[in-house]
N, C-alpha and C. Protein backbone atom coordinates (compact mmCIF):
# COMPACT_ATOMS: atom_id res chain seq x y z
N MET A 1 8.50 21.85 16.92
CA MET A 1 9.08 20.70 17.58
C MET A 1 9.64 19.71 16.57
N GLN A 2 8.96 19.56 15.45
CA GLN A 2 9.37 18.59 14.45
C GLN A 2 10.77 18.88 13.92
N SER A 3 11.17 20.16 13.86
CA SER A 3 12.49 20.50 13.34
C SER A 3 13.60 20.05 14.28
N GLN A 4 13.28 19.80 15.56
CA GLN A 4 14.28 19.35 16.51
C GLN A 4 14.55 17.86 16.42
N ILE A 5 13.68 17.13 15.75
CA ILE A 5 13.84 15.68 15.64
C ILE A 5 14.57 15.36 14.35
N GLU A 6 15.65 14.62 14.46
CA GLU A 6 16.39 14.20 13.27
C GLU A 6 15.57 13.16 12.53
N ARG A 7 15.36 13.36 11.23
CA ARG A 7 14.54 12.44 10.45
C ARG A 7 15.44 11.55 9.62
N GLN A 8 15.14 10.25 9.63
CA GLN A 8 15.91 9.27 8.87
C GLN A 8 14.94 8.45 8.04
N PRO A 9 15.32 8.09 6.80
CA PRO A 9 14.42 7.25 6.02
C PRO A 9 14.36 5.84 6.61
N ILE A 10 13.18 5.27 6.55
CA ILE A 10 13.01 3.88 6.96
C ILE A 10 13.31 3.01 5.76
N SER A 11 14.14 2.05 5.91
CA SER A 11 14.39 1.09 4.85
C SER A 11 13.37 -0.02 4.99
N LEU A 12 12.54 -0.16 3.99
CA LEU A 12 11.52 -1.20 4.06
C LEU A 12 12.07 -2.56 3.70
N THR A 13 13.34 -2.64 3.41
CA THR A 13 13.95 -3.94 3.15
C THR A 13 14.52 -4.54 4.43
N LYS A 14 14.73 -3.74 5.44
CA LYS A 14 15.24 -4.22 6.72
C LYS A 14 14.14 -4.04 7.75
N ARG A 15 13.41 -5.08 8.02
CA ARG A 15 12.22 -4.98 8.83
C ARG A 15 12.29 -5.83 10.08
N ARG A 16 11.83 -5.27 11.16
CA ARG A 16 11.58 -6.07 12.34
C ARG A 16 10.21 -6.72 12.22
N SER A 17 9.30 -6.02 11.58
CA SER A 17 7.91 -6.44 11.57
C SER A 17 7.56 -7.34 10.39
N GLY A 18 8.53 -7.71 9.56
CA GLY A 18 8.26 -8.63 8.47
C GLY A 18 7.48 -8.03 7.33
N ILE A 19 7.78 -6.80 6.95
CA ILE A 19 7.09 -6.14 5.86
C ILE A 19 8.09 -5.90 4.75
N PRO A 20 7.80 -6.31 3.50
CA PRO A 20 8.78 -6.19 2.43
C PRO A 20 8.96 -4.76 1.95
N SER A 21 9.98 -4.58 1.14
CA SER A 21 10.26 -3.25 0.62
C SER A 21 9.20 -2.80 -0.36
N GLY A 22 9.18 -1.52 -0.59
CA GLY A 22 8.21 -0.98 -1.51
C GLY A 22 8.15 0.53 -1.44
N GLY A 23 9.00 1.14 -0.70
CA GLY A 23 8.99 2.58 -0.58
C GLY A 23 9.69 2.96 0.70
N SER A 24 9.53 4.20 1.10
CA SER A 24 10.12 4.59 2.36
C SER A 24 9.30 5.72 2.95
N VAL A 25 9.39 5.82 4.24
CA VAL A 25 8.83 6.96 4.94
C VAL A 25 9.93 7.48 5.83
N GLU A 26 9.83 8.72 6.24
CA GLU A 26 10.80 9.25 7.17
C GLU A 26 10.24 9.10 8.56
N ARG A 27 11.11 8.86 9.51
CA ARG A 27 10.68 8.69 10.89
C ARG A 27 11.62 9.44 11.81
N PRO A 28 11.17 9.74 12.99
CA PRO A 28 12.08 10.35 13.94
C PRO A 28 13.21 9.40 14.27
N GLY A 29 14.40 9.93 14.52
CA GLY A 29 15.53 9.11 14.90
C GLY A 29 15.39 8.58 16.32
N LEU A 30 14.45 9.10 17.06
CA LEU A 30 14.23 8.66 18.43
C LEU A 30 13.14 7.58 18.46
N ALA A 31 13.18 6.74 19.48
CA ALA A 31 12.17 5.70 19.63
C ALA A 31 10.97 6.30 20.34
N VAL A 32 10.19 7.06 19.62
CA VAL A 32 9.01 7.71 20.20
C VAL A 32 7.77 7.23 19.47
N LYS A 33 6.65 7.44 20.09
CA LYS A 33 5.37 7.15 19.45
C LYS A 33 4.79 8.48 19.03
N ILE A 34 4.26 8.50 17.83
CA ILE A 34 3.78 9.77 17.28
C ILE A 34 2.27 9.72 17.07
N PRO A 35 1.61 10.87 17.12
CA PRO A 35 0.16 10.91 16.91
C PRO A 35 -0.22 10.72 15.45
N VAL A 36 -1.49 10.44 15.23
CA VAL A 36 -1.98 10.10 13.90
C VAL A 36 -1.70 11.21 12.88
N GLY A 37 -1.82 12.45 13.25
CA GLY A 37 -1.59 13.55 12.31
C GLY A 37 -0.16 13.57 11.80
N GLN A 38 0.79 13.37 12.71
CA GLN A 38 2.20 13.35 12.30
C GLN A 38 2.50 12.10 11.48
N ALA A 39 1.90 10.97 11.86
CA ALA A 39 2.08 9.74 11.08
C ALA A 39 1.56 9.94 9.67
N ALA A 40 0.43 10.63 9.55
CA ALA A 40 -0.15 10.88 8.22
C ALA A 40 0.81 11.70 7.36
N ILE A 41 1.38 12.73 7.93
CA ILE A 41 2.32 13.58 7.19
C ILE A 41 3.55 12.77 6.77
N MET A 42 4.08 11.98 7.68
CA MET A 42 5.29 11.21 7.40
C MET A 42 5.06 10.15 6.34
N CYS A 43 3.86 9.59 6.29
CA CYS A 43 3.57 8.50 5.35
C CYS A 43 2.89 8.98 4.08
N GLY A 44 2.56 10.25 3.99
CA GLY A 44 1.89 10.77 2.81
C GLY A 44 0.45 10.29 2.70
N LEU A 45 -0.17 10.06 3.83
CA LEU A 45 -1.56 9.61 3.87
C LEU A 45 -2.38 10.64 4.63
N THR A 46 -3.69 10.45 4.65
CA THR A 46 -4.52 11.28 5.50
C THR A 46 -4.73 10.59 6.83
N ALA A 47 -5.02 11.38 7.85
CA ALA A 47 -5.32 10.80 9.16
C ALA A 47 -6.54 9.89 9.04
N ARG A 48 -7.50 10.28 8.23
CA ARG A 48 -8.70 9.47 8.04
C ARG A 48 -8.35 8.11 7.43
N ALA A 49 -7.43 8.09 6.47
CA ALA A 49 -7.02 6.81 5.87
C ALA A 49 -6.38 5.92 6.91
N ILE A 50 -5.54 6.49 7.75
CA ILE A 50 -4.88 5.70 8.80
C ILE A 50 -5.91 5.14 9.77
N ARG A 51 -6.86 5.97 10.17
CA ARG A 51 -7.91 5.48 11.08
C ARG A 51 -8.73 4.38 10.40
N PHE A 52 -8.99 4.54 9.10
CA PHE A 52 -9.73 3.52 8.35
C PHE A 52 -8.96 2.20 8.32
N TYR A 53 -7.66 2.25 8.06
CA TYR A 53 -6.85 1.03 8.07
C TYR A 53 -6.89 0.37 9.44
N GLU A 54 -6.89 1.19 10.47
CA GLU A 54 -6.97 0.64 11.83
C GLU A 54 -8.34 0.00 12.07
N GLU A 55 -9.40 0.65 11.62
CA GLU A 55 -10.76 0.09 11.75
C GLU A 55 -10.88 -1.23 11.01
N ARG A 56 -10.20 -1.37 9.89
CA ARG A 56 -10.24 -2.60 9.09
C ARG A 56 -9.31 -3.68 9.64
N GLY A 57 -8.56 -3.38 10.69
CA GLY A 57 -7.70 -4.36 11.33
C GLY A 57 -6.33 -4.51 10.69
N LEU A 58 -5.95 -3.60 9.81
CA LEU A 58 -4.64 -3.66 9.15
C LEU A 58 -3.53 -3.09 10.01
N LEU A 59 -3.89 -2.36 11.03
CA LEU A 59 -2.94 -1.58 11.80
C LEU A 59 -3.42 -1.49 13.24
N ARG A 60 -2.48 -1.42 14.15
CA ARG A 60 -2.82 -1.22 15.56
C ARG A 60 -2.11 0.03 16.08
N SER A 61 -2.75 0.69 17.02
CA SER A 61 -2.14 1.85 17.66
C SER A 61 -2.29 1.70 19.17
N GLU A 62 -1.53 2.50 19.85
CA GLU A 62 -1.72 2.62 21.29
C GLU A 62 -2.49 3.90 21.52
N ARG A 63 -3.06 4.04 22.68
CA ARG A 63 -3.81 5.25 23.00
C ARG A 63 -3.15 6.03 24.13
N HIS A 64 -3.05 7.30 23.92
CA HIS A 64 -2.60 8.23 24.94
C HIS A 64 -3.74 8.35 25.95
N PRO A 65 -3.46 8.69 27.19
CA PRO A 65 -4.54 8.84 28.17
C PRO A 65 -5.65 9.80 27.72
N ARG A 66 -5.32 10.74 26.85
CA ARG A 66 -6.34 11.66 26.33
C ARG A 66 -7.06 11.09 25.11
N GLY A 67 -6.79 9.83 24.76
CA GLY A 67 -7.48 9.18 23.65
C GLY A 67 -6.81 9.35 22.30
N ILE A 68 -5.68 10.00 22.23
CA ILE A 68 -4.98 10.22 20.97
C ILE A 68 -4.31 8.92 20.54
N ARG A 69 -4.48 8.57 19.27
CA ARG A 69 -3.81 7.39 18.73
C ARG A 69 -2.32 7.67 18.59
N LEU A 70 -1.51 6.69 18.99
CA LEU A 70 -0.05 6.82 18.89
C LEU A 70 0.51 5.65 18.11
N TYR A 71 1.48 5.93 17.23
CA TYR A 71 2.06 4.92 16.35
C TYR A 71 3.56 4.84 16.56
N ASP A 72 4.08 3.62 16.61
CA ASP A 72 5.51 3.40 16.76
C ASP A 72 6.14 3.11 15.39
N ASP A 73 7.45 2.83 15.40
CA ASP A 73 8.16 2.56 14.14
C ASP A 73 7.55 1.40 13.36
N ALA A 74 7.19 0.34 14.06
CA ALA A 74 6.61 -0.83 13.38
C ALA A 74 5.31 -0.45 12.68
N ALA A 75 4.50 0.40 13.31
CA ALA A 75 3.24 0.84 12.69
C ALA A 75 3.52 1.70 11.46
N LEU A 76 4.55 2.55 11.54
CA LEU A 76 4.90 3.38 10.38
C LEU A 76 5.38 2.51 9.22
N GLU A 77 6.15 1.48 9.50
CA GLU A 77 6.60 0.57 8.46
C GLU A 77 5.41 -0.17 7.85
N ARG A 78 4.49 -0.57 8.69
CA ARG A 78 3.29 -1.26 8.21
C ARG A 78 2.47 -0.31 7.32
N LEU A 79 2.35 0.95 7.73
CA LEU A 79 1.65 1.94 6.91
C LEU A 79 2.34 2.12 5.56
N ALA A 80 3.66 2.14 5.55
CA ALA A 80 4.40 2.28 4.28
C ALA A 80 4.11 1.09 3.38
N PHE A 81 4.04 -0.11 3.95
CA PHE A 81 3.73 -1.30 3.16
C PHE A 81 2.31 -1.20 2.59
N ILE A 82 1.36 -0.83 3.43
CA ILE A 82 -0.03 -0.69 2.98
C ILE A 82 -0.11 0.33 1.85
N SER A 83 0.55 1.46 2.04
CA SER A 83 0.53 2.52 1.03
C SER A 83 1.15 2.05 -0.29
N SER A 84 2.26 1.33 -0.21
CA SER A 84 2.92 0.81 -1.42
C SER A 84 2.02 -0.19 -2.14
N CYS A 85 1.40 -1.06 -1.38
CA CYS A 85 0.50 -2.05 -2.00
C CYS A 85 -0.70 -1.38 -2.64
N ARG A 86 -1.27 -0.38 -1.97
CA ARG A 86 -2.41 0.35 -2.55
C ARG A 86 -1.97 1.05 -3.84
N ALA A 87 -0.79 1.67 -3.82
CA ALA A 87 -0.29 2.36 -5.01
C ALA A 87 -0.05 1.38 -6.16
N SER A 88 0.21 0.13 -5.83
CA SER A 88 0.41 -0.91 -6.84
C SER A 88 -0.90 -1.52 -7.32
N GLY A 89 -2.01 -1.08 -6.75
CA GLY A 89 -3.31 -1.54 -7.20
C GLY A 89 -3.89 -2.71 -6.42
N LEU A 90 -3.25 -3.12 -5.34
CA LEU A 90 -3.81 -4.21 -4.54
C LEU A 90 -4.93 -3.67 -3.67
N GLY A 91 -5.96 -4.49 -3.48
CA GLY A 91 -7.09 -4.11 -2.66
C GLY A 91 -6.81 -4.35 -1.18
N LEU A 92 -7.63 -3.75 -0.35
CA LEU A 92 -7.43 -3.88 1.08
C LEU A 92 -7.60 -5.31 1.56
N GLY A 93 -8.48 -6.07 0.93
CA GLY A 93 -8.63 -7.47 1.30
C GLY A 93 -7.36 -8.27 1.03
N GLU A 94 -6.76 -8.03 -0.13
CA GLU A 94 -5.49 -8.69 -0.45
C GLU A 94 -4.39 -8.28 0.53
N ILE A 95 -4.34 -6.99 0.82
CA ILE A 95 -3.32 -6.48 1.73
C ILE A 95 -3.51 -7.08 3.12
N ALA A 96 -4.75 -7.16 3.57
CA ALA A 96 -5.02 -7.76 4.88
C ALA A 96 -4.52 -9.19 4.93
N GLY A 97 -4.76 -9.94 3.85
CA GLY A 97 -4.29 -11.32 3.79
C GLY A 97 -2.77 -11.41 3.82
N LEU A 98 -2.12 -10.51 3.11
CA LEU A 98 -0.65 -10.49 3.10
C LEU A 98 -0.10 -10.18 4.49
N LEU A 99 -0.68 -9.17 5.13
CA LEU A 99 -0.21 -8.80 6.47
C LEU A 99 -0.45 -9.93 7.47
N ALA A 100 -1.59 -10.59 7.37
CA ALA A 100 -1.88 -11.71 8.27
C ALA A 100 -0.87 -12.83 8.07
N ALA A 101 -0.53 -13.11 6.81
CA ALA A 101 0.47 -14.14 6.53
C ALA A 101 1.83 -13.74 7.10
N GLY A 102 2.19 -12.47 6.96
CA GLY A 102 3.44 -11.99 7.52
C GLY A 102 3.46 -12.11 9.03
N ASP A 103 2.33 -11.78 9.66
CA ASP A 103 2.25 -11.90 11.11
C ASP A 103 2.36 -13.36 11.56
N ASP A 104 1.75 -14.26 10.79
CA ASP A 104 1.72 -15.68 11.17
C ASP A 104 2.99 -16.44 10.77
N PHE A 105 3.53 -16.14 9.59
CA PHE A 105 4.60 -16.98 9.04
C PHE A 105 5.93 -16.27 8.82
N GLY A 106 5.96 -14.96 9.02
CA GLY A 106 7.23 -14.24 8.92
C GLY A 106 7.45 -13.54 7.59
N GLU A 107 8.58 -12.86 7.54
CA GLU A 107 8.92 -12.00 6.41
C GLU A 107 9.09 -12.75 5.10
N ALA A 108 9.75 -13.91 5.14
CA ALA A 108 9.99 -14.65 3.89
C ALA A 108 8.68 -15.01 3.21
N GLU A 109 7.72 -15.47 3.97
CA GLU A 109 6.43 -15.84 3.39
C GLU A 109 5.67 -14.61 2.92
N LEU A 110 5.77 -13.54 3.68
CA LEU A 110 5.12 -12.29 3.27
C LEU A 110 5.69 -11.80 1.95
N ARG A 111 7.00 -11.84 1.82
CA ARG A 111 7.64 -11.41 0.57
C ARG A 111 7.19 -12.30 -0.59
N ARG A 112 7.19 -13.61 -0.38
CA ARG A 112 6.80 -14.54 -1.44
C ARG A 112 5.37 -14.27 -1.89
N LEU A 113 4.47 -14.13 -0.92
CA LEU A 113 3.06 -13.89 -1.25
C LEU A 113 2.84 -12.53 -1.90
N THR A 114 3.60 -11.53 -1.47
CA THR A 114 3.46 -10.20 -2.06
C THR A 114 3.94 -10.21 -3.51
N VAL A 115 5.05 -10.86 -3.77
CA VAL A 115 5.55 -10.99 -5.15
C VAL A 115 4.51 -11.71 -6.00
N GLU A 116 3.95 -12.78 -5.49
CA GLU A 116 2.92 -13.54 -6.22
C GLU A 116 1.70 -12.66 -6.51
N ALA A 117 1.24 -11.90 -5.52
CA ALA A 117 0.08 -11.03 -5.70
C ALA A 117 0.36 -9.95 -6.74
N LEU A 118 1.56 -9.39 -6.72
CA LEU A 118 1.89 -8.35 -7.70
C LEU A 118 2.05 -8.91 -9.11
N ARG A 119 2.58 -10.12 -9.22
CA ARG A 119 2.67 -10.76 -10.54
C ARG A 119 1.28 -11.04 -11.10
N LYS A 120 0.37 -11.51 -10.26
CA LYS A 120 -1.02 -11.74 -10.70
C LYS A 120 -1.66 -10.43 -11.13
N ARG A 121 -1.38 -9.37 -10.40
CA ARG A 121 -1.90 -8.05 -10.76
C ARG A 121 -1.40 -7.64 -12.14
N LEU A 122 -0.11 -7.87 -12.41
CA LEU A 122 0.44 -7.54 -13.73
C LEU A 122 -0.20 -8.38 -14.83
N GLU A 123 -0.48 -9.65 -14.55
CA GLU A 123 -1.16 -10.49 -15.54
C GLU A 123 -2.55 -9.94 -15.85
N ARG A 124 -3.29 -9.54 -14.81
CA ARG A 124 -4.62 -8.96 -15.03
C ARG A 124 -4.52 -7.68 -15.84
N LEU A 125 -3.51 -6.86 -15.54
CA LEU A 125 -3.34 -5.62 -16.29
C LEU A 125 -2.97 -5.90 -17.75
N ASP A 126 -2.14 -6.92 -17.99
CA ASP A 126 -1.81 -7.30 -19.37
C ASP A 126 -3.05 -7.74 -20.13
N ASP A 127 -3.90 -8.55 -19.48
CA ASP A 127 -5.14 -8.99 -20.11
C ASP A 127 -6.05 -7.80 -20.41
N GLU A 128 -6.16 -6.89 -19.46
CA GLU A 128 -7.00 -5.72 -19.65
C GLU A 128 -6.46 -4.84 -20.78
N ARG A 129 -5.14 -4.70 -20.83
CA ARG A 129 -4.53 -3.90 -21.90
C ARG A 129 -4.82 -4.53 -23.28
N PHE A 130 -4.71 -5.85 -23.37
CA PHE A 130 -4.99 -6.52 -24.63
C PHE A 130 -6.44 -6.27 -25.06
N ARG A 131 -7.38 -6.43 -24.13
CA ARG A 131 -8.80 -6.20 -24.47
C ARG A 131 -9.04 -4.75 -24.87
N THR A 132 -8.39 -3.82 -24.17
CA THR A 132 -8.56 -2.40 -24.50
C THR A 132 -7.99 -2.09 -25.88
N GLU A 133 -6.81 -2.63 -26.18
CA GLU A 133 -6.21 -2.40 -27.50
C GLU A 133 -7.06 -3.01 -28.60
N THR A 134 -7.68 -4.15 -28.35
CA THR A 134 -8.54 -4.80 -29.34
C THR A 134 -9.75 -3.92 -29.65
N VAL A 135 -10.39 -3.39 -28.63
CA VAL A 135 -11.54 -2.51 -28.83
C VAL A 135 -11.11 -1.23 -29.52
N LEU A 136 -9.98 -0.68 -29.10
CA LEU A 136 -9.48 0.55 -29.72
C LEU A 136 -9.20 0.34 -31.21
N ALA A 137 -8.56 -0.76 -31.55
CA ALA A 137 -8.27 -1.05 -32.96
C ALA A 137 -9.56 -1.19 -33.76
N ALA A 138 -10.56 -1.85 -33.18
CA ALA A 138 -11.83 -2.01 -33.89
C ALA A 138 -12.51 -0.65 -34.12
N LEU A 139 -12.40 0.23 -33.15
CA LEU A 139 -13.01 1.55 -33.29
C LEU A 139 -12.27 2.44 -34.27
N GLN A 140 -10.98 2.20 -34.46
CA GLN A 140 -10.19 3.02 -35.38
C GLN A 140 -10.23 2.50 -36.81
N THR A 141 -10.74 1.30 -37.00
CA THR A 141 -10.86 0.75 -38.34
C THR A 141 -12.06 1.40 -39.02
N PRO A 142 -11.86 1.95 -40.24
CA PRO A 142 -12.98 2.57 -40.92
C PRO A 142 -14.09 1.54 -41.19
N PRO A 143 -15.34 1.99 -41.08
CA PRO A 143 -16.45 1.05 -41.34
C PRO A 143 -16.47 0.64 -42.81
N ARG A 144 -16.92 -0.57 -43.05
CA ARG A 144 -17.05 -1.05 -44.44
C ARG A 144 -18.25 -0.37 -45.08
N PRO A 145 -18.11 -0.04 -46.35
CA PRO A 145 -19.27 0.56 -47.03
C PRO A 145 -20.39 -0.48 -47.17
N ARG A 146 -21.58 -0.04 -46.99
CA ARG A 146 -22.74 -0.94 -47.10
C ARG A 146 -23.13 -1.08 -48.57
N ALA A 147 -23.55 -2.28 -48.87
CA ALA A 147 -24.00 -2.53 -50.24
C ALA A 147 -25.35 -1.84 -50.44
N VAL A 148 -25.47 -1.19 -51.59
CA VAL A 148 -26.71 -0.49 -51.90
C VAL A 148 -27.60 -1.43 -52.69
N SER A 149 -28.81 -1.63 -52.23
CA SER A 149 -29.73 -2.51 -52.97
C SER A 149 -30.61 -1.65 -53.88
N ALA A 150 -30.89 -2.18 -55.05
CA ALA A 150 -31.64 -1.42 -56.03
C ALA A 150 -33.08 -1.76 -56.06
């Protein structure tokens, strides 16, 4: 069935749901809701990860009468944002805060806060790199010979 659906990349820079760019997922060209397994394949995540994000309140789904979780385009875009943020090293707490700000204040604020969070992440990584290089240099320096007492 999947081969009958035309797949188009989602541009994460053009959002209805106020989620900034950071990657792309492919979605059906039709306005359909898809089950968690197909959403997982399209987003490069596991179904368990998607359910976990939903349990943590980062994502919402609709339910089919048989209890199957269904996701629309906005949910797929939100998943792409979550996935991009996780790949950038942001924690789920940070991501939840960003998404809440986007929901409350819109895309411009979400973008501003996401840029700020990623810049802070880079600063922490720079600090960590400096500390690591300092320890590495100390370990590569030959030990000083000890004075021999007579």
